[in-house]
Structures are given as structure tokens and as C-alpha cells.
């Protein structure tokens, strides 16, 4: 099995498990051992799936303003967890390939493996939800046709992104590319860096 096939399988497991309950407050039950990359992948996609639904809920024009503010705070926390999960996945790859001999002419990639995998996780959600839209029975045929066309594009993106990730990992394995990971510095969450937060400090 290609690595991206494993990633895709785990992402879709997490999506399916979430939709058994379809509740943003439902507690995740990760079926994988913490020592497995699958544990990180499942957790990562669960966070993405919950946030997908947060984003749906907050766009309700009838949402209570107090509830909307609470939800915005939850989205902010979710974004931080998402970033943390990407960094954990990159740490897995850094450790896995730490002994690879990097070739003298090796190049750096525009993004790390985990950030590409992050895009694959979001793509799994897009395909899941577009599939639903393309098969709805409470809409007209034109809606279904447009969504089917979009679904075809998303599936093409899945194939292309999977190929690109496989090639990146293969290049890292063979020393043709090297990993260099920058920890994300989200200033708006830091009370020492966000001026709105630190200007109110006593």
C-alpha cells in the first residue's frame, strides 16, 4: 500500500466515525495506538472534520451572537490544535528520515510533508461532502449535475496531490530533497504578541 493510500484510508475512517454522531461535541475515540502514525492522522482529520462543521454552524444567519462568539473561540482553539497536529506529523517524518544521507545537490521543498498531508485531509472532507451534494434527492437535477462536475475535479485533485506527496516522500527517502520545518508562530493566540491582548495586560 502506498503511503498516501494509508493516509486516505485513515482520513475517511475518521470522517465516517464522526458522521455516526454528527455532533461537534462528541468526544473523539481514536482507534489507533499512540505509537502509530495512524493515531496522528486520525486525530488530525477528526479536528478538521469538527472544524468543518463549526464553520457551517457559525454561518447560520439566525445564530445567537453570544453563541457565535463562543463558537469563534472554539474555532480559534481548533486552528491551534490543527497546527500542532501538523507539526507532530512532521516530527514523525523528521525522525523517520533522520539518518538519510542528503545529497549535495538536494533541494528543499516549498512545504513539508505534513502540510501537504494537511491538504489531503481537507480534500477528503471536500469529497465526502460534495458526494452528498451530488446525490441529494431534495434538489433539482441541475444542482446534482454541477456538484457531480465539482466532485470529478476534486477526485482529480486527490490523484494529483497523492502523486505529489508520494514523490516528495520518495525524494526525502533518497536524499534528493531535505526537510526543514519551521514551527508555526501564530501571533494572534499569543498574549505577548497580539497587541489587543497585551495592551490590556496590567
N, C-alpha and C. Protein backbone atom coordinates (compact mmCIF):
# COMPACT_ATOMS: atom_id res chain seq x y z
N UNK A 1 0.84 -1.20 0.00
CA UNK A 1 0.00 0.00 0.00
C UNK A 1 0.88 1.25 0.00
N UNK A 2 0.58 2.17 -0.90
CA UNK A 2 1.30 3.44 -0.90
C UNK A 2 0.97 4.21 0.38
N UNK A 3 1.89 5.09 0.76
CA UNK A 3 1.67 5.84 1.99
C UNK A 3 0.41 6.70 1.91
N UNK A 4 0.19 7.33 0.76
CA UNK A 4 -0.99 8.17 0.64
C UNK A 4 -2.28 7.36 0.68
N UNK A 5 -2.23 6.09 0.28
CA UNK A 5 -3.41 5.23 0.39
C UNK A 5 -3.74 4.99 1.86
N UNK A 6 -2.70 4.82 2.68
CA UNK A 6 -2.91 4.68 4.11
C UNK A 6 -3.49 5.98 4.70
N UNK A 7 -2.90 7.11 4.32
CA UNK A 7 -3.40 8.39 4.83
C UNK A 7 -4.88 8.54 4.48
N UNK A 8 -5.22 8.26 3.23
CA UNK A 8 -6.59 8.43 2.75
C UNK A 8 -7.56 7.52 3.48
N UNK A 9 -7.11 6.28 3.71
CA UNK A 9 -7.94 5.30 4.44
C UNK A 9 -8.25 5.81 5.84
N UNK A 10 -7.24 6.28 6.55
CA UNK A 10 -7.45 6.74 7.93
C UNK A 10 -8.31 7.99 7.95
N UNK A 11 -8.08 8.91 7.04
CA UNK A 11 -8.89 10.13 6.99
C UNK A 11 -10.36 9.78 6.81
N UNK A 12 -10.64 8.87 5.91
CA UNK A 12 -12.04 8.52 5.66
C UNK A 12 -12.65 7.72 6.80
N UNK A 13 -11.83 7.00 7.55
CA UNK A 13 -12.32 6.34 8.75
C UNK A 13 -12.77 7.38 9.77
N UNK A 14 -11.95 8.41 9.96
CA UNK A 14 -12.29 9.46 10.92
C UNK A 14 -13.56 10.20 10.50
N UNK A 15 -13.67 10.50 9.21
CA UNK A 15 -14.87 11.18 8.70
C UNK A 15 -16.11 10.33 8.93
N UNK A 16 -16.02 9.05 8.62
CA UNK A 16 -17.16 8.15 8.79
C UNK A 16 -17.52 8.02 10.27
N UNK A 17 -16.51 7.91 11.14
CA UNK A 17 -16.78 7.79 12.57
C UNK A 17 -17.46 9.05 13.11
N UNK A 18 -16.99 10.22 12.67
CA UNK A 18 -17.62 11.46 13.12
C UNK A 18 -19.10 11.49 12.71
N UNK A 19 -19.39 11.11 11.49
CA UNK A 19 -20.75 11.23 10.97
C UNK A 19 -21.69 10.15 11.50
N UNK A 20 -21.18 9.23 12.29
CA UNK A 20 -22.09 8.32 13.02
C UNK A 20 -22.88 9.11 14.05
N UNK A 21 -22.30 10.21 14.52
CA UNK A 21 -22.92 11.04 15.56
C UNK A 21 -23.26 12.43 15.02
N UNK A 22 -22.42 12.94 14.10
CA UNK A 22 -22.61 14.27 13.51
C UNK A 22 -22.84 15.32 14.59
N UNK A 23 -21.96 15.32 15.57
CA UNK A 23 -22.09 16.20 16.73
C UNK A 23 -20.71 16.76 17.06
N UNK A 24 -20.56 18.09 16.97
CA UNK A 24 -19.26 18.70 17.22
C UNK A 24 -18.79 18.52 18.67
N UNK A 25 -19.71 18.14 19.54
CA UNK A 25 -19.35 17.95 20.94
C UNK A 25 -19.03 16.50 21.28
N UNK A 26 -19.18 15.63 20.29
CA UNK A 26 -18.89 14.21 20.55
C UNK A 26 -17.39 14.00 20.74
N UNK A 27 -17.02 13.26 21.76
CA UNK A 27 -15.62 13.05 22.07
C UNK A 27 -14.99 12.04 21.11
N UNK A 28 -13.83 12.40 20.59
CA UNK A 28 -13.11 11.51 19.69
C UNK A 28 -12.67 10.25 20.42
N UNK A 29 -12.80 9.12 19.73
CA UNK A 29 -12.32 7.83 20.25
C UNK A 29 -11.35 7.26 19.21
N UNK A 30 -10.10 7.63 19.35
CA UNK A 30 -9.09 7.25 18.37
C UNK A 30 -8.81 5.75 18.49
N UNK A 31 -9.03 4.98 17.41
CA UNK A 31 -8.86 3.52 17.49
C UNK A 31 -7.41 3.05 17.38
N UNK A 32 -6.48 3.97 17.13
CA UNK A 32 -5.09 3.59 16.88
C UNK A 32 -4.20 3.86 18.08
N UNK A 33 -3.18 3.02 18.21
CA UNK A 33 -2.20 3.18 19.28
C UNK A 33 -1.37 4.44 19.05
N UNK A 34 -0.99 5.10 20.14
CA UNK A 34 -0.25 6.35 20.04
C UNK A 34 1.10 6.19 19.33
N UNK A 35 1.62 4.99 19.29
CA UNK A 35 2.91 4.77 18.64
C UNK A 35 2.80 4.73 17.12
N UNK A 36 1.58 4.70 16.59
CA UNK A 36 1.37 4.56 15.15
C UNK A 36 1.13 5.93 14.50
N UNK A 37 1.61 6.08 13.28
CA UNK A 37 1.33 7.29 12.52
C UNK A 37 -0.17 7.43 12.29
N UNK A 38 -0.87 6.30 12.23
CA UNK A 38 -2.31 6.34 12.05
C UNK A 38 -3.02 7.10 13.18
N UNK A 39 -2.46 7.04 14.37
CA UNK A 39 -3.04 7.77 15.51
C UNK A 39 -3.03 9.27 15.24
N UNK A 40 -1.91 9.78 14.74
CA UNK A 40 -1.79 11.20 14.43
C UNK A 40 -2.72 11.58 13.27
N UNK A 41 -2.76 10.74 12.25
CA UNK A 41 -3.59 11.02 11.08
C UNK A 41 -5.08 11.06 11.44
N UNK A 42 -5.51 10.10 12.25
CA UNK A 42 -6.91 10.05 12.67
C UNK A 42 -7.27 11.29 13.49
N UNK A 43 -6.41 11.62 14.43
CA UNK A 43 -6.63 12.80 15.29
C UNK A 43 -6.68 14.06 14.43
N UNK A 44 -5.74 14.17 13.50
CA UNK A 44 -5.67 15.33 12.62
C UNK A 44 -6.98 15.51 11.85
N UNK A 45 -7.46 14.44 11.24
CA UNK A 45 -8.67 14.56 10.44
C UNK A 45 -9.90 14.78 11.30
N UNK A 46 -9.93 14.21 12.50
CA UNK A 46 -11.07 14.45 13.38
C UNK A 46 -11.19 15.94 13.69
N UNK A 47 -10.05 16.56 13.99
CA UNK A 47 -10.03 18.00 14.25
C UNK A 47 -10.54 18.76 13.02
N UNK A 48 -10.08 18.38 11.84
CA UNK A 48 -10.52 19.03 10.61
C UNK A 48 -12.02 18.86 10.39
N UNK A 49 -12.52 17.67 10.70
CA UNK A 49 -13.93 17.37 10.49
C UNK A 49 -14.81 18.19 11.43
N UNK A 50 -14.42 18.25 12.69
CA UNK A 50 -15.18 19.06 13.65
C UNK A 50 -15.15 20.52 13.23
N UNK A 51 -13.98 20.99 12.81
CA UNK A 51 -13.89 22.39 12.41
C UNK A 51 -14.71 22.67 11.16
N UNK A 52 -14.78 21.74 10.25
CA UNK A 52 -15.63 21.88 9.06
C UNK A 52 -17.06 22.22 9.49
N UNK A 53 -17.53 21.50 10.51
CA UNK A 53 -18.90 21.70 10.97
C UNK A 53 -19.04 22.95 11.83
N UNK A 54 -18.01 23.30 12.56
CA UNK A 54 -18.01 24.61 13.23
C UNK A 54 -18.25 25.72 12.20
N UNK A 55 -17.53 25.63 11.08
CA UNK A 55 -17.62 26.67 10.06
C UNK A 55 -19.01 26.72 9.43
N UNK A 56 -19.68 25.56 9.32
CA UNK A 56 -21.06 25.54 8.85
C UNK A 56 -21.98 26.24 9.85
N UNK A 57 -21.83 25.86 11.11
CA UNK A 57 -22.73 26.37 12.15
C UNK A 57 -22.63 27.88 12.30
N UNK A 58 -21.40 28.40 12.29
CA UNK A 58 -21.23 29.83 12.55
C UNK A 58 -21.79 30.69 11.42
N UNK A 59 -22.06 30.10 10.26
CA UNK A 59 -22.63 30.85 9.14
C UNK A 59 -24.16 30.86 9.16
N UNK A 60 -24.75 30.27 10.17
CA UNK A 60 -26.21 30.32 10.33
C UNK A 60 -26.63 31.76 10.57
N UNK A 61 -27.43 32.37 9.67
CA UNK A 61 -27.80 33.77 9.85
C UNK A 61 -28.63 34.02 11.11
N UNK A 62 -29.19 32.95 11.68
CA UNK A 62 -30.02 33.10 12.88
C UNK A 62 -29.25 32.77 14.17
N UNK A 63 -27.95 32.58 14.07
CA UNK A 63 -27.18 32.18 15.25
C UNK A 63 -27.20 33.28 16.30
N UNK A 64 -27.32 32.88 17.54
CA UNK A 64 -27.28 33.83 18.65
C UNK A 64 -25.89 34.45 18.75
N UNK A 65 -25.77 35.77 18.89
CA UNK A 65 -24.45 36.42 18.92
C UNK A 65 -23.54 35.89 20.02
N UNK A 66 -24.11 35.57 21.17
CA UNK A 66 -23.29 35.03 22.26
C UNK A 66 -22.76 33.65 21.88
N UNK A 67 -23.63 32.84 21.28
CA UNK A 67 -23.21 31.51 20.83
C UNK A 67 -22.17 31.63 19.72
N UNK A 68 -22.32 32.63 18.86
CA UNK A 68 -21.36 32.82 17.77
C UNK A 68 -19.98 33.17 18.31
N UNK A 69 -19.95 34.01 19.35
CA UNK A 69 -18.66 34.38 19.94
C UNK A 69 -18.00 33.16 20.58
N UNK A 70 -18.79 32.35 21.27
CA UNK A 70 -18.25 31.13 21.88
C UNK A 70 -17.71 30.20 20.80
N UNK A 71 -18.46 30.10 19.70
CA UNK A 71 -18.03 29.22 18.61
C UNK A 71 -16.76 29.75 17.95
N UNK A 72 -16.66 31.08 17.81
CA UNK A 72 -15.44 31.66 17.24
C UNK A 72 -14.23 31.31 18.09
N UNK A 73 -14.39 31.33 19.39
CA UNK A 73 -13.29 30.96 20.29
C UNK A 73 -12.93 29.48 20.11
N UNK A 74 -13.95 28.65 19.92
CA UNK A 74 -13.70 27.23 19.69
C UNK A 74 -12.95 27.01 18.37
N UNK A 75 -13.32 27.78 17.35
CA UNK A 75 -12.63 27.69 16.06
C UNK A 75 -11.16 28.09 16.22
N UNK A 76 -10.91 29.15 16.98
CA UNK A 76 -9.52 29.58 17.22
C UNK A 76 -8.72 28.47 17.90
N UNK A 77 -9.31 27.85 18.91
CA UNK A 77 -8.60 26.76 19.61
C UNK A 77 -8.39 25.58 18.67
N UNK A 78 -9.38 25.30 17.85
CA UNK A 78 -9.27 24.20 16.89
C UNK A 78 -8.16 24.45 15.88
N UNK A 79 -8.04 25.69 15.43
CA UNK A 79 -6.97 26.04 14.50
C UNK A 79 -5.60 25.79 15.11
N UNK A 80 -5.46 26.10 16.40
CA UNK A 80 -4.19 25.88 17.06
C UNK A 80 -3.89 24.38 17.17
N UNK A 81 -4.89 23.59 17.50
CA UNK A 81 -4.71 22.13 17.59
C UNK A 81 -4.35 21.57 16.22
N UNK A 82 -5.01 22.08 15.18
CA UNK A 82 -4.71 21.63 13.82
C UNK A 82 -3.25 21.88 13.49
N UNK A 83 -2.76 23.07 13.80
CA UNK A 83 -1.36 23.39 13.55
C UNK A 83 -0.44 22.48 14.35
N UNK A 84 -0.79 22.24 15.59
CA UNK A 84 0.02 21.35 16.44
C UNK A 84 0.08 19.95 15.85
N UNK A 85 -1.05 19.45 15.34
CA UNK A 85 -1.08 18.10 14.77
C UNK A 85 -0.19 18.01 13.53
N UNK A 86 -0.20 19.06 12.72
CA UNK A 86 0.68 19.07 11.54
C UNK A 86 2.14 18.99 11.99
N UNK A 87 2.49 19.72 13.02
CA UNK A 87 3.88 19.70 13.50
C UNK A 87 4.24 18.34 14.09
N UNK A 88 3.30 17.67 14.74
CA UNK A 88 3.57 16.32 15.25
C UNK A 88 3.83 15.35 14.10
N UNK A 89 3.04 15.48 13.03
CA UNK A 89 3.23 14.60 11.88
C UNK A 89 4.59 14.87 11.22
N UNK A 90 4.97 16.14 11.11
CA UNK A 90 6.29 16.45 10.57
C UNK A 90 7.39 15.90 11.46
N UNK A 91 7.19 15.92 12.76
CA UNK A 91 8.19 15.36 13.68
C UNK A 91 8.36 13.86 13.44
N UNK A 92 7.26 13.19 13.11
CA UNK A 92 7.32 11.76 12.78
C UNK A 92 8.23 11.55 11.57
N UNK A 93 8.04 12.35 10.52
CA UNK A 93 8.86 12.19 9.32
C UNK A 93 10.31 12.61 9.56
N UNK A 94 10.51 13.65 10.34
CA UNK A 94 11.89 14.06 10.66
C UNK A 94 12.63 12.93 11.36
N UNK A 95 11.96 12.26 12.28
CA UNK A 95 12.60 11.15 12.99
C UNK A 95 12.79 9.95 12.06
N UNK A 96 11.80 9.69 11.23
CA UNK A 96 11.87 8.52 10.35
C UNK A 96 13.03 8.61 9.37
N UNK A 97 13.32 9.84 8.89
CA UNK A 97 14.35 10.01 7.86
C UNK A 97 15.59 10.73 8.37
N UNK A 98 15.78 10.69 9.68
CA UNK A 98 16.90 11.43 10.27
C UNK A 98 18.26 10.88 9.85
N UNK A 99 18.32 9.61 9.45
CA UNK A 99 19.61 9.01 9.08
C UNK A 99 19.85 8.96 7.57
N UNK A 100 18.95 9.56 6.80
CA UNK A 100 19.12 9.58 5.35
C UNK A 100 20.30 10.50 4.99
N UNK A 101 21.15 10.02 4.08
CA UNK A 101 22.26 10.85 3.62
C UNK A 101 21.75 11.81 2.56
N UNK A 102 21.78 13.07 2.89
CA UNK A 102 21.27 14.09 1.98
C UNK A 102 22.30 14.36 0.88
N UNK A 103 21.89 14.30 -0.37
CA UNK A 103 22.79 14.51 -1.49
C UNK A 103 23.26 15.96 -1.55
N UNK A 104 24.46 16.18 -2.07
CA UNK A 104 25.00 17.56 -2.13
C UNK A 104 24.10 18.53 -2.89
N UNK A 105 23.41 18.04 -3.89
CA UNK A 105 22.55 18.93 -4.68
C UNK A 105 21.07 18.83 -4.28
N UNK A 106 20.83 18.31 -3.08
CA UNK A 106 19.44 18.17 -2.61
C UNK A 106 18.77 19.54 -2.50
N UNK A 107 17.47 19.55 -2.76
CA UNK A 107 16.71 20.79 -2.73
C UNK A 107 15.67 20.73 -1.62
N UNK A 108 15.28 21.90 -1.16
CA UNK A 108 14.21 21.99 -0.17
C UNK A 108 12.88 22.12 -0.90
N UNK A 109 11.82 21.61 -0.30
CA UNK A 109 10.50 21.69 -0.92
C UNK A 109 9.76 22.92 -0.40
N UNK A 110 8.78 23.38 -1.16
CA UNK A 110 8.04 24.57 -0.77
C UNK A 110 7.23 24.34 0.51
N UNK A 111 6.86 23.09 0.78
CA UNK A 111 6.14 22.78 2.01
C UNK A 111 6.62 21.44 2.53
N UNK A 112 6.42 21.23 3.82
CA UNK A 112 6.83 19.97 4.44
C UNK A 112 5.82 18.87 4.10
N UNK A 113 6.17 17.60 4.32
CA UNK A 113 5.20 16.53 4.05
C UNK A 113 3.89 16.71 4.81
N UNK A 114 3.99 17.12 6.06
CA UNK A 114 2.76 17.20 6.87
C UNK A 114 1.81 18.29 6.38
N UNK A 115 2.35 19.39 5.88
CA UNK A 115 1.44 20.42 5.36
C UNK A 115 0.78 19.97 4.07
N UNK A 116 1.46 19.15 3.28
CA UNK A 116 0.82 18.56 2.10
C UNK A 116 -0.24 17.55 2.53
N UNK A 117 0.06 16.78 3.58
CA UNK A 117 -0.91 15.82 4.12
C UNK A 117 -2.11 16.54 4.70
N UNK A 118 -1.88 17.70 5.28
CA UNK A 118 -2.98 18.54 5.77
C UNK A 118 -3.95 18.86 4.64
N UNK A 119 -3.44 19.20 3.48
CA UNK A 119 -4.30 19.50 2.34
C UNK A 119 -5.07 18.25 1.88
N UNK A 120 -4.42 17.09 2.02
CA UNK A 120 -5.09 15.83 1.66
C UNK A 120 -6.25 15.55 2.61
N UNK A 121 -6.06 15.87 3.88
CA UNK A 121 -7.12 15.68 4.87
C UNK A 121 -8.34 16.54 4.55
N UNK A 122 -8.09 17.81 4.23
CA UNK A 122 -9.18 18.71 3.87
C UNK A 122 -9.86 18.25 2.58
N UNK A 123 -9.07 17.74 1.66
CA UNK A 123 -9.62 17.26 0.39
C UNK A 123 -10.55 16.07 0.63
N UNK A 124 -10.22 15.21 1.58
CA UNK A 124 -11.10 14.08 1.90
C UNK A 124 -12.46 14.58 2.38
N UNK A 125 -12.45 15.66 3.15
CA UNK A 125 -13.71 16.24 3.62
C UNK A 125 -14.49 16.86 2.47
N UNK A 126 -13.80 17.55 1.59
CA UNK A 126 -14.47 18.16 0.44
C UNK A 126 -15.15 17.09 -0.41
N UNK A 127 -14.45 15.99 -0.66
CA UNK A 127 -15.02 14.92 -1.48
C UNK A 127 -16.20 14.27 -0.78
N UNK A 128 -16.08 14.03 0.51
CA UNK A 128 -17.19 13.43 1.27
C UNK A 128 -18.45 14.29 1.14
N UNK A 129 -18.32 15.58 1.38
CA UNK A 129 -19.49 16.45 1.38
C UNK A 129 -20.00 16.76 -0.03
N UNK A 130 -19.11 16.81 -1.00
CA UNK A 130 -19.57 17.03 -2.37
C UNK A 130 -20.30 15.81 -2.90
N UNK A 131 -19.87 14.63 -2.47
CA UNK A 131 -20.57 13.41 -2.84
C UNK A 131 -22.02 13.45 -2.35
N UNK A 132 -22.20 13.94 -1.14
CA UNK A 132 -23.56 14.08 -0.60
C UNK A 132 -24.38 15.04 -1.46
N UNK A 133 -23.78 16.18 -1.82
CA UNK A 133 -24.49 17.17 -2.62
C UNK A 133 -24.84 16.63 -4.01
N UNK A 134 -23.95 15.81 -4.55
CA UNK A 134 -24.17 15.27 -5.90
C UNK A 134 -25.23 14.19 -5.94
N UNK A 135 -25.66 13.70 -4.79
CA UNK A 135 -26.65 12.61 -4.76
C UNK A 135 -27.90 12.97 -3.96
N UNK A 136 -28.05 14.25 -3.63
CA UNK A 136 -29.24 14.68 -2.89
C UNK A 136 -30.50 14.45 -3.72
N UNK A 137 -31.58 14.10 -3.03
CA UNK A 137 -32.86 13.88 -3.72
C UNK A 137 -33.83 15.04 -3.53
N UNK A 138 -33.45 16.02 -2.69
CA UNK A 138 -34.35 17.15 -2.42
C UNK A 138 -33.97 18.40 -3.23
N UNK A 139 -33.15 18.21 -4.26
CA UNK A 139 -32.73 19.32 -5.13
C UNK A 139 -32.97 18.91 -6.58
N UNK A 140 -32.85 19.90 -7.47
CA UNK A 140 -33.11 19.58 -8.88
C UNK A 140 -31.88 18.94 -9.53
N UNK A 141 -32.08 18.47 -10.76
CA UNK A 141 -31.02 17.76 -11.48
C UNK A 141 -29.84 18.67 -11.78
N UNK A 142 -30.11 19.95 -11.99
CA UNK A 142 -29.02 20.88 -12.29
C UNK A 142 -28.05 20.99 -11.12
N UNK A 143 -28.60 21.04 -9.91
CA UNK A 143 -27.75 21.10 -8.71
C UNK A 143 -26.87 19.85 -8.63
N UNK A 144 -27.48 18.70 -8.82
CA UNK A 144 -26.72 17.45 -8.76
C UNK A 144 -25.65 17.39 -9.83
N UNK A 145 -25.97 17.86 -11.03
CA UNK A 145 -25.01 17.83 -12.13
C UNK A 145 -23.81 18.72 -11.84
N UNK A 146 -24.08 19.94 -11.37
CA UNK A 146 -22.98 20.86 -11.04
C UNK A 146 -22.09 20.28 -9.95
N UNK A 147 -22.70 19.67 -8.96
CA UNK A 147 -21.92 19.08 -7.87
C UNK A 147 -21.14 17.86 -8.35
N UNK A 148 -21.72 17.11 -9.27
CA UNK A 148 -21.02 15.96 -9.83
C UNK A 148 -19.78 16.41 -10.60
N UNK A 149 -19.90 17.53 -11.31
CA UNK A 149 -18.75 18.07 -12.04
C UNK A 149 -17.67 18.54 -11.07
N UNK A 150 -18.07 19.18 -9.99
CA UNK A 150 -17.10 19.62 -8.98
C UNK A 150 -16.46 18.40 -8.31
N UNK A 151 -17.26 17.37 -8.08
CA UNK A 151 -16.73 16.15 -7.47
C UNK A 151 -15.66 15.53 -8.35
N UNK A 152 -15.85 15.53 -9.65
CA UNK A 152 -14.87 14.98 -10.57
C UNK A 152 -13.55 15.74 -10.49
N UNK A 153 -13.63 17.06 -10.36
CA UNK A 153 -12.42 17.88 -10.22
C UNK A 153 -11.72 17.56 -8.91
N UNK A 154 -12.47 17.43 -7.83
CA UNK A 154 -11.89 17.10 -6.52
C UNK A 154 -11.20 15.73 -6.57
N UNK A 155 -11.80 14.77 -7.25
CA UNK A 155 -11.19 13.45 -7.36
C UNK A 155 -9.90 13.50 -8.17
N UNK A 156 -9.88 14.37 -9.19
CA UNK A 156 -8.64 14.56 -9.95
C UNK A 156 -7.57 15.20 -9.07
N UNK A 157 -7.98 16.15 -8.25
CA UNK A 157 -7.04 16.76 -7.30
C UNK A 157 -6.50 15.73 -6.33
N UNK A 158 -7.35 14.81 -5.90
CA UNK A 158 -6.91 13.74 -5.00
C UNK A 158 -5.80 12.92 -5.64
N UNK A 159 -6.00 12.56 -6.89
CA UNK A 159 -4.98 11.76 -7.59
C UNK A 159 -3.68 12.54 -7.74
N UNK A 160 -3.78 13.81 -8.12
CA UNK A 160 -2.59 14.62 -8.34
C UNK A 160 -1.85 14.89 -7.03
N UNK A 161 -2.60 15.26 -5.98
CA UNK A 161 -1.96 15.55 -4.70
C UNK A 161 -1.32 14.30 -4.11
N UNK A 162 -1.97 13.17 -4.25
CA UNK A 162 -1.39 11.92 -3.75
C UNK A 162 -0.07 11.61 -4.46
N UNK A 163 -0.05 11.80 -5.78
CA UNK A 163 1.18 11.58 -6.54
C UNK A 163 2.28 12.52 -6.06
N UNK A 164 1.94 13.79 -5.87
CA UNK A 164 2.94 14.77 -5.44
C UNK A 164 3.50 14.42 -4.06
N UNK A 165 2.65 13.97 -3.15
CA UNK A 165 3.10 13.61 -1.81
C UNK A 165 4.00 12.37 -1.87
N UNK A 166 3.59 11.38 -2.65
CA UNK A 166 4.42 10.18 -2.80
C UNK A 166 5.80 10.54 -3.34
N UNK A 167 5.84 11.42 -4.34
CA UNK A 167 7.12 11.81 -4.93
C UNK A 167 7.97 12.60 -3.94
N UNK A 168 7.34 13.46 -3.14
CA UNK A 168 8.09 14.21 -2.14
C UNK A 168 8.70 13.28 -1.11
N UNK A 169 7.91 12.34 -0.60
CA UNK A 169 8.43 11.40 0.40
C UNK A 169 9.54 10.53 -0.19
N UNK A 170 9.36 10.10 -1.43
CA UNK A 170 10.39 9.30 -2.10
C UNK A 170 11.68 10.10 -2.25
N UNK A 171 11.56 11.39 -2.60
CA UNK A 171 12.74 12.24 -2.74
C UNK A 171 13.45 12.41 -1.39
N UNK A 172 12.70 12.55 -0.32
CA UNK A 172 13.29 12.68 1.02
C UNK A 172 13.97 11.38 1.41
N UNK A 173 13.32 10.25 1.14
CA UNK A 173 13.89 8.94 1.45
C UNK A 173 15.23 8.73 0.76
N UNK A 174 15.36 9.28 -0.45
CA UNK A 174 16.56 9.06 -1.26
C UNK A 174 17.54 10.23 -1.22
N UNK A 175 17.27 11.20 -0.35
CA UNK A 175 18.21 12.30 -0.16
C UNK A 175 18.18 13.36 -1.24
N UNK A 176 17.20 13.29 -2.15
CA UNK A 176 17.13 14.28 -3.22
C UNK A 176 16.50 15.59 -2.75
N UNK A 177 15.69 15.49 -1.69
CA UNK A 177 15.14 16.67 -1.05
C UNK A 177 15.33 16.50 0.46
N UNK A 178 15.35 17.62 1.15
CA UNK A 178 15.53 17.53 2.61
C UNK A 178 14.44 18.33 3.31
N UNK A 179 14.15 17.90 4.52
CA UNK A 179 13.11 18.56 5.31
C UNK A 179 13.72 19.67 6.15
N UNK A 180 13.03 20.76 6.19
CA UNK A 180 13.37 21.86 7.09
C UNK A 180 12.05 22.41 7.58
N UNK A 181 11.79 22.22 8.86
CA UNK A 181 10.48 22.54 9.41
C UNK A 181 10.57 23.79 10.27
N UNK A 182 9.68 24.73 10.00
CA UNK A 182 9.57 25.94 10.81
C UNK A 182 8.33 25.82 11.69
N UNK A 183 8.51 25.96 12.99
CA UNK A 183 7.36 25.94 13.88
C UNK A 183 6.48 27.14 13.56
N UNK A 184 5.19 26.89 13.49
CA UNK A 184 4.26 27.98 13.18
C UNK A 184 4.18 28.95 14.36
N UNK A 185 4.20 30.21 14.06
CA UNK A 185 4.19 31.25 15.09
C UNK A 185 2.91 32.06 14.95
N UNK A 186 1.83 31.52 15.49
CA UNK A 186 0.54 32.19 15.38
C UNK A 186 0.46 33.31 16.40
N UNK A 187 0.67 34.52 15.97
CA UNK A 187 0.78 35.65 16.87
C UNK A 187 -0.54 36.01 17.54
N UNK A 188 -1.67 35.75 16.85
CA UNK A 188 -2.95 36.19 17.42
C UNK A 188 -3.35 35.40 18.65
N UNK A 189 -2.77 34.20 18.84
CA UNK A 189 -3.09 33.39 20.01
C UNK A 189 -2.16 33.67 21.19
N UNK A 190 -1.12 34.44 20.97
CA UNK A 190 -0.10 34.67 22.00
C UNK A 190 -0.36 35.99 22.71
N UNK A 191 -0.62 35.95 24.02
CA UNK A 191 -0.90 37.19 24.75
C UNK A 191 0.28 38.15 24.79
N UNK A 192 1.47 37.67 24.45
CA UNK A 192 2.64 38.54 24.41
C UNK A 192 2.90 39.13 23.03
N UNK A 193 2.16 38.67 22.01
CA UNK A 193 2.40 39.11 20.63
C UNK A 193 1.18 39.79 19.99
N UNK A 194 0.00 39.50 20.50
CA UNK A 194 -1.22 40.11 19.98
C UNK A 194 -1.44 41.44 20.70
N UNK A 195 -1.37 42.59 19.99
CA UNK A 195 -1.47 43.88 20.66
C UNK A 195 -2.79 44.11 21.38
N UNK A 196 -3.88 43.49 20.87
CA UNK A 196 -5.16 43.62 21.56
C UNK A 196 -5.11 42.96 22.92
N UNK A 197 -4.36 41.85 23.00
CA UNK A 197 -4.26 41.13 24.27
C UNK A 197 -3.23 41.78 25.21
N UNK A 198 -2.06 42.13 24.68
CA UNK A 198 -1.05 42.64 25.61
C UNK A 198 -1.30 44.10 26.00
N UNK A 199 -2.07 44.85 25.21
CA UNK A 199 -2.35 46.23 25.61
C UNK A 199 -3.30 46.30 26.79
N UNK A 200 -4.04 45.19 27.00
CA UNK A 200 -4.96 45.13 28.12
C UNK A 200 -4.36 44.52 29.37
N UNK A 201 -3.09 44.08 29.26
CA UNK A 201 -2.44 43.47 30.42
C UNK A 201 -2.07 44.53 31.43
N UNK A 202 -2.24 44.19 32.69
CA UNK A 202 -1.88 45.10 33.78
C UNK A 202 -0.44 44.86 34.20
